[in-house]
Amino acid sequence: MSGIYRTLRDQILSIWTANWTHTTVPVLWRENDPEPLPDPQTSPHFLRNEIVFGRERIRAFGGGQFSNERFKYGSVIVRVFASRALQTDDTQLDLLSDAEAVFRSQRVGELTFIGDVSGYDEDASVQPPEENGNWFMRGSLIVFEYRFVA
């Protein structure tokens, strides 16, 4: 039996797989980063996504021990990298917009991407610098909440 974090990861990856249409653009997730990064001459764009788990709060009491309804907050951080040689970020911005749209207003079971920032997710310090060697980076934070009983 998988725990809450694997359940969330699997549901988020499922939403991504079902809705991401740019199959020629490499997509990396924090857990499977290859080294080295893609070659900017053959892959001028790539994404590196990461799931961040945030705070938890109780929504409803009264069920007894381990029977209270809770919210788990978190975010998907999407980073789109573009080769510096392109000298434009038009496609990069379009990819970022499409990546956000994958999750926007989604609800799958108890997982929703409908709410707003949870407070934990307001810190943008998790973003890497906008320049990374051969790449320019743009990023976005997409928040979620997950209801569960524990």
C-alpha atoms as a PDB file:
ATOM      1  CA  MET A   1       0.000   0.000   0.000  1.00  0.00           C
ATOM      2  CA  SER A   2       1.417   3.370  -0.965  1.00  0.00           C
ATOM      3  CA  GLY A   3       1.327   6.375   1.331  1.00  0.00           C
ATOM      4  CA  ILE A   4      -0.080   9.827   0.730  1.00  0.00           C
ATOM      5  CA  TYR A   5       3.014  11.164  -1.051  1.00  0.00           C
ATOM      6  CA  ARG A   6       3.250   8.345  -3.586  1.00  0.00           C
ATOM      7  CA  THR A   7      -0.501   8.551  -4.135  1.00  0.00           C
ATOM      8  CA  LEU A   8      -0.247  12.271  -4.853  1.00  0.00           C
ATOM      9  CA  ARG A   9       2.782  11.824  -7.113  1.00  0.00           C
ATOM     10  CA  ASP A  10       1.069   9.108  -9.106  1.00  0.00           C
ATOM     11  CA  GLN A  11      -2.124  11.141  -9.548  1.00  0.00           C
ATOM     12  CA  ILE A  12      -0.189  14.252 -10.599  1.00  0.00           C
ATOM     13  CA  LEU A  13       1.870  12.278 -13.109  1.00  0.00           C
ATOM     14  CA  SER A  14      -1.325  10.707 -14.434  1.00  0.00           C
ATOM     15  CA  ILE A  15      -2.895  14.134 -15.008  1.00  0.00           C
ATOM     16  CA  TRP A  16       0.281  15.283 -16.751  1.00  0.00           C
ATOM     17  CA  THR A  17       0.487  12.237 -19.006  1.00  0.00           C
ATOM     18  CA  ALA A  18      -3.173  12.496 -19.988  1.00  0.00           C
ATOM     19  CA  ASN A  19      -3.029  16.213 -20.854  1.00  0.00           C
ATOM     20  CA  TRP A  20       0.480  17.123 -22.062  1.00  0.00           C
ATOM     21  CA  THR A  21       0.434  17.314 -25.861  1.00  0.00           C
ATOM     22  CA  HIS A  22       3.996  18.407 -26.704  1.00  0.00           C
ATOM     23  CA  THR A  23       5.417  14.909 -26.973  1.00  0.00           C
ATOM     24  CA  THR A  24       8.563  16.046 -28.809  1.00  0.00           C
ATOM     25  CA  VAL A  25       9.644  18.293 -25.919  1.00  0.00           C
ATOM     26  CA  PRO A  26      11.612  16.341 -23.286  1.00  0.00           C
ATOM     27  CA  VAL A  27       9.995  16.438 -19.842  1.00  0.00           C
ATOM     28  CA  LEU A  28      12.066  15.576 -16.789  1.00  0.00           C
ATOM     29  CA  TRP A  29      10.762  15.176 -13.268  1.00  0.00           C
ATOM     30  CA  ARG A  30      12.896  15.788 -10.218  1.00  0.00           C
ATOM     31  CA  GLU A  31      13.058  12.077  -9.459  1.00  0.00           C
ATOM     32  CA  ASN A  32      14.485  11.030 -12.822  1.00  0.00           C
ATOM     33  CA  ASP A  33      16.855  13.808 -13.937  1.00  0.00           C
ATOM     34  CA  PRO A  34      19.372  12.430 -16.415  1.00  0.00           C
ATOM     35  CA  GLU A  35      22.882  13.699 -16.683  1.00  0.00           C
ATOM     36  CA  PRO A  36      23.868  15.479 -18.782  1.00  0.00           C
ATOM     37  CA  LEU A  37      20.972  17.783 -19.641  1.00  0.00           C
ATOM     38  CA  PRO A  38      19.582  17.591 -23.179  1.00  0.00           C
ATOM     39  CA  ASP A  39      21.781  19.047 -25.916  1.00  0.00           C
ATOM     40  CA  PRO A  40      20.460  22.547 -26.740  1.00  0.00           C
ATOM     41  CA  GLN A  41      21.322  22.086 -30.426  1.00  0.00           C
ATOM     42  CA  THR A  42      19.089  19.022 -30.822  1.00  0.00           C
ATOM     43  CA  SER A  43      16.492  19.801 -28.123  1.00  0.00           C
ATOM     44  CA  PRO A  44      16.069  23.575 -27.943  1.00  0.00           C
ATOM     45  CA  HIS A  45      13.461  23.259 -25.160  1.00  0.00           C
ATOM     46  CA  PHE A  46      12.876  20.944 -22.227  1.00  0.00           C
ATOM     47  CA  LEU A  47      10.851  20.973 -19.028  1.00  0.00           C
ATOM     48  CA  ARG A  48      11.891  20.014 -15.533  1.00  0.00           C
ATOM     49  CA  ASN A  49       8.939  19.571 -13.192  1.00  0.00           C
ATOM     50  CA  GLU A  50       8.943  19.006  -9.468  1.00  0.00           C
ATOM     51  CA  ILE A  51       6.277  18.139  -6.927  1.00  0.00           C
ATOM     52  CA  VAL A  52       6.634  19.965  -3.613  1.00  0.00           C
ATOM     53  CA  PHE A  53       4.604  18.886  -0.584  1.00  0.00           C
ATOM     54  CA  GLY A  54       3.481  21.666   1.708  1.00  0.00           C
ATOM     55  CA  ARG A  55       1.664  22.068   4.938  1.00  0.00           C
ATOM     56  CA  GLU A  56      -1.249  20.053   6.249  1.00  0.00           C
ATOM     57  CA  ARG A  57      -4.298  21.184   8.183  1.00  0.00           C
ATOM     58  CA  ILE A  58      -7.358  19.607   9.728  1.00  0.00           C
ATOM     59  CA  ARG A  59     -10.632  20.508   8.051  1.00  0.00           C
ATOM     60  CA  ALA A  60     -13.106  18.570  10.195  1.00  0.00           C
ATOM     61  CA  PHE A  61     -12.839  17.064  13.666  1.00  0.00           C
ATOM     62  CA  GLY A  62     -15.032  14.535  15.372  1.00  0.00           C
ATOM     63  CA  GLY A  63     -14.207  11.241  13.789  1.00  0.00           C
ATOM     64  CA  GLY A  64     -11.913  10.133  16.580  1.00  0.00           C
ATOM     65  CA  GLN A  65      -8.247   9.329  16.412  1.00  0.00           C
ATOM     66  CA  PHE A  66      -7.033   8.924  12.796  1.00  0.00           C
ATOM     67  CA  SER A  67     -10.529   9.745  11.515  1.00  0.00           C
ATOM     68  CA  ASN A  68     -10.330  13.486  10.930  1.00  0.00           C
ATOM     69  CA  GLU A  69     -10.654  15.090   7.520  1.00  0.00           C
ATOM     70  CA  ARG A  70      -7.439  16.836   6.479  1.00  0.00           C
ATOM     71  CA  PHE A  71      -6.025  18.929   3.642  1.00  0.00           C
ATOM     72  CA  LYS A  72      -2.514  18.422   2.314  1.00  0.00           C
ATOM     73  CA  TYR A  73      -1.256  21.378   0.277  1.00  0.00           C
ATOM     74  CA  GLY A  74       1.528  21.412  -2.241  1.00  0.00           C
ATOM     75  CA  SER A  75       2.565  22.540  -5.662  1.00  0.00           C
ATOM     76  CA  VAL A  76       3.895  21.450  -8.989  1.00  0.00           C
ATOM     77  CA  ILE A  77       6.797  23.625 -10.054  1.00  0.00           C
ATOM     78  CA  VAL A  78       7.152  23.748 -13.813  1.00  0.00           C
ATOM     79  CA  ARG A  79      10.421  25.012 -15.269  1.00  0.00           C
ATOM     80  CA  VAL A  80      10.769  25.469 -19.011  1.00  0.00           C
ATOM     81  CA  PHE A  81      14.302  25.710 -20.356  1.00  0.00           C
ATOM     82  CA  ALA A  82      15.113  27.251 -23.750  1.00  0.00           C
ATOM     83  CA  SER A  83      18.423  27.239 -25.560  1.00  0.00           C
ATOM     84  CA  ARG A  84      20.169  30.606 -25.303  1.00  0.00           C
ATOM     85  CA  ALA A  85      20.899  30.326 -29.028  1.00  0.00           C
ATOM     86  CA  LEU A  86      17.190  30.821 -29.855  1.00  0.00           C
ATOM     87  CA  GLN A  87      17.298  34.478 -28.773  1.00  0.00           C
ATOM     88  CA  THR A  88      13.554  34.509 -28.178  1.00  0.00           C
ATOM     89  CA  ASP A  89      11.354  33.060 -25.487  1.00  0.00           C
ATOM     90  CA  ASP A  90       8.096  32.957 -27.462  1.00  0.00           C
ATOM     91  CA  THR A  91       7.950  29.154 -27.634  1.00  0.00           C
ATOM     92  CA  GLN A  92       9.205  28.899 -24.069  1.00  0.00           C
ATOM     93  CA  LEU A  93       6.339  31.095 -22.833  1.00  0.00           C
ATOM     94  CA  ASP A  94       3.822  29.108 -24.885  1.00  0.00           C
ATOM     95  CA  LEU A  95       5.122  25.851 -23.365  1.00  0.00           C
ATOM     96  CA  LEU A  96       4.839  27.346 -19.867  1.00  0.00           C
ATOM     97  CA  SER A  97       1.266  28.396 -20.570  1.00  0.00           C
ATOM     98  CA  ASP A  98       0.382  24.936 -21.884  1.00  0.00           C
ATOM     99  CA  ALA A  99       2.031  23.278 -18.865  1.00  0.00           C
ATOM    100  CA  GLU A 100      -0.106  25.353 -16.489  1.00  0.00           C
ATOM    101  CA  ALA A 101      -3.213  24.473 -18.505  1.00  0.00           C
ATOM    102  CA  VAL A 102      -2.517  20.755 -17.917  1.00  0.00           C
ATOM    103  CA  PHE A 103      -3.451  21.238 -14.255  1.00  0.00           C
ATOM    104  CA  ARG A 104      -5.701  24.297 -14.256  1.00  0.00           C
ATOM    105  CA  SER A 105      -9.143  23.569 -12.774  1.00  0.00           C
ATOM    106  CA  GLN A 106      -8.445  19.835 -12.618  1.00  0.00           C
ATOM    107  CA  ARG A 107     -10.104  17.640 -10.034  1.00  0.00           C
ATOM    108  CA  VAL A 108      -9.277  13.952  -9.781  1.00  0.00           C
ATOM    109  CA  GLY A 109     -10.866  12.274  -6.803  1.00  0.00           C
ATOM    110  CA  GLU A 110      -9.694  14.141  -3.711  1.00  0.00           C
ATOM    111  CA  LEU A 111      -6.911  16.013  -5.548  1.00  0.00           C
ATOM    112  CA  THR A 112      -7.755  19.470  -6.869  1.00  0.00           C
ATOM    113  CA  PHE A 113      -5.904  22.238  -8.643  1.00  0.00           C
ATOM    114  CA  ILE A 114      -8.736  24.690  -8.072  1.00  0.00           C
ATOM    115  CA  GLY A 115      -7.604  26.529  -4.927  1.00  0.00           C
ATOM    116  CA  ASP A 116      -5.083  29.259  -4.388  1.00  0.00           C
ATOM    117  CA  VAL A 117      -1.668  29.433  -2.749  1.00  0.00           C
ATOM    118  CA  SER A 118      -1.616  27.745   0.649  1.00  0.00           C
ATOM    119  CA  GLY A 119       0.819  30.070   2.384  1.00  0.00           C
ATOM    120  CA  TYR A 120       3.593  27.497   2.300  1.00  0.00           C
ATOM    121  CA  ASP A 121       3.901  27.917  -1.441  1.00  0.00           C
ATOM    122  CA  GLU A 122       4.291  31.692  -1.550  1.00  0.00           C
ATOM    123  CA  ASP A 123       8.094  31.529  -1.287  1.00  0.00           C
ATOM    124  CA  ALA A 124       9.627  31.718  -4.749  1.00  0.00           C
ATOM    125  CA  SER A 125      13.089  30.832  -3.432  1.00  0.00           C
ATOM    126  CA  VAL A 126      12.666  27.292  -4.748  1.00  0.00           C
ATOM    127  CA  GLN A 127      13.129  28.649  -8.270  1.00  0.00           C
ATOM    128  CA  PRO A 128      16.621  28.314  -9.757  1.00  0.00           C
ATOM    129  CA  PRO A 129      18.237  31.343 -11.413  1.00  0.00           C
ATOM    130  CA  GLU A 130      16.827  32.304 -14.812  1.00  0.00           C
ATOM    131  CA  GLU A 131      20.131  31.570 -16.536  1.00  0.00           C
ATOM    132  CA  ASN A 132      21.708  28.134 -16.363  1.00  0.00           C
ATOM    133  CA  GLY A 133      24.689  27.682 -18.692  1.00  0.00           C
ATOM    134  CA  ASN A 134      23.304  27.082 -22.187  1.00  0.00           C
ATOM    135  CA  TRP A 135      19.723  27.616 -21.056  1.00  0.00           C
ATOM    136  CA  PHE A 136      17.297  30.356 -20.137  1.00  0.00           C
ATOM    137  CA  MET A 137      14.642  29.275 -17.629  1.00  0.00           C
ATOM    138  CA  ARG A 138      11.068  30.383 -16.966  1.00  0.00           C
ATOM    139  CA  GLY A 139       9.042  28.840 -14.194  1.00  0.00           C
ATOM    140  CA  SER A 140       5.648  28.710 -12.609  1.00  0.00           C
ATOM    141  CA  LEU A 141       4.146  27.326  -9.425  1.00  0.00           C
ATOM    142  CA  ILE A 142       0.809  25.499  -9.667  1.00  0.00           C
ATOM    143  CA  VAL A 143      -0.800  24.745  -6.301  1.00  0.00           C
ATOM    144  CA  PHE A 144      -2.939  21.788  -5.272  1.00  0.00           C
ATOM    145  CA  GLU A 145      -4.858  20.511  -2.284  1.00  0.00           C
ATOM    146  CA  TYR A 146      -5.616  16.941  -1.391  1.00  0.00           C
ATOM    147  CA  ARG A 147      -8.383  15.841   0.994  1.00  0.00           C
ATOM    148  CA  PHE A 148      -7.906  12.722   3.031  1.00  0.00           C
ATOM    149  CA  VAL A 149      -8.837  11.132   6.355  1.00  0.00           C
ATOM    150  CA  ALA A 150      -6.163  10.432   8.936  1.00  0.00           C
END
